[in-house]
Amino acid sequence: MTDDEIRQLVRSAIARHLGGANASQVPPASQPPAAQPVPLAFARYPIARPVEDVMCLIEPAVRCNHCGYCECHGH
């Protein structure tokens, strides 16, 4: 069962409860807005690193905690 079908069932049940409306009288669910593209500022790029390299690229004195900051435009 899709989300829209569930929404329609809920609308029908509420309409019947509140005013005795027939399920066919309840308007169909509106379509959600289209997904917006992710801004490039949040894009992540793969960085080839040796497995034994466990130090942070941003702050080499600490171990990498895999936050991903070095892989995005934020760096």
Protein backbone atom coordinates (compact mmCIF):
# COMPACT_ATOMS: atom_id res chain seq x y z
CA MET A 1 0.00 0.00 0.00
CA THR A 2 1.43 3.37 -0.97
CA ASP A 3 1.54 6.51 1.15
CA ASP A 4 -1.08 8.15 -1.06
CA GLU A 5 -3.44 5.20 -0.60
CA ILE A 6 -3.00 5.38 3.16
CA ARG A 7 -3.66 9.14 3.10
CA GLN A 8 -6.83 8.56 1.09
CA LEU A 9 -8.04 5.94 3.59
CA VAL A 10 -7.39 8.32 6.50
CA ARG A 11 -9.19 11.18 4.73
CA SER A 12 -12.17 8.90 4.01
CA ALA A 13 -12.34 7.73 7.62
CA ILE A 14 -12.18 11.29 8.95
CA ALA A 15 -14.81 12.47 6.48
CA ARG A 16 -17.16 9.62 7.47
CA HIS A 17 -16.60 10.33 11.16
CA LEU A 18 -17.14 14.08 10.89
CA GLY A 19 -19.94 14.37 8.43
CA GLY A 20 -20.90 11.05 7.00
CA ALA A 21 -19.27 11.86 3.69
CA ASN A 22 -18.88 9.06 1.21
CA ALA A 23 -15.29 8.01 0.49
CA SER A 24 -15.76 9.00 -3.15
CA GLN A 25 -16.55 12.58 -2.08
CA VAL A 26 -13.17 13.05 -0.40
CA PRO A 27 -10.68 14.81 -2.71
CA PRO A 28 -7.55 12.81 -3.64
CA ALA A 29 -4.24 13.59 -2.00
CA SER A 30 -2.17 16.30 -3.60
CA GLN A 31 1.26 15.42 -4.92
CA PRO A 32 4.22 16.41 -2.73
CA PRO A 33 6.60 18.99 -4.18
CA ALA A 34 9.40 17.66 -6.35
CA ALA A 35 12.68 17.01 -4.58
CA GLN A 36 15.15 19.85 -4.85
CA PRO A 37 18.70 19.11 -6.05
CA VAL A 38 21.37 19.02 -3.38
CA PRO A 39 23.55 22.14 -3.47
CA LEU A 40 27.09 21.49 -4.62
CA ALA A 41 28.37 22.73 -1.27
CA PHE A 42 27.24 19.40 0.18
CA ALA A 43 28.66 17.15 -2.53
CA ARG A 44 31.20 14.60 -1.37
CA TYR A 45 34.19 13.48 -3.36
CA PRO A 46 36.07 10.22 -2.89
CA ILE A 47 39.62 10.66 -1.62
CA ALA A 48 41.93 7.72 -2.21
CA ARG A 49 43.85 7.07 0.99
CA PRO A 50 45.88 4.10 2.15
CA VAL A 51 44.12 1.92 4.72
CA GLU A 52 46.93 2.42 7.22
CA ASP A 53 46.55 6.24 7.02
CA VAL A 54 44.34 6.92 10.03
CA MET A 55 45.26 10.54 10.69
CA CYS A 56 42.93 13.44 9.85
CA LEU A 57 43.69 15.35 6.65
CA ILE A 58 42.48 18.62 8.19
CA GLU A 59 44.20 18.24 11.55
CA PRO A 60 47.04 15.71 11.18
CA ALA A 61 47.71 15.54 14.93
CA VAL A 62 44.42 13.67 15.59
CA ARG A 63 42.97 10.41 14.31
CA CYS A 64 40.39 10.50 11.52
CA ASN A 65 36.82 10.11 12.79
CA HIS A 66 35.40 9.88 9.23
CA CYS A 67 33.29 13.06 9.46
CA GLY A 68 33.64 13.63 5.71
CA TYR A 69 34.65 17.28 5.95
CA CYS A 70 37.76 16.71 3.85
CA GLU A 71 35.59 15.16 1.12
CA CYS A 72 33.29 18.13 0.57
CA HIS A 73 33.47 21.75 -0.56
CA GLY A 74 33.74 22.74 3.11
CA HIS A 75 37.48 22.06 3.02
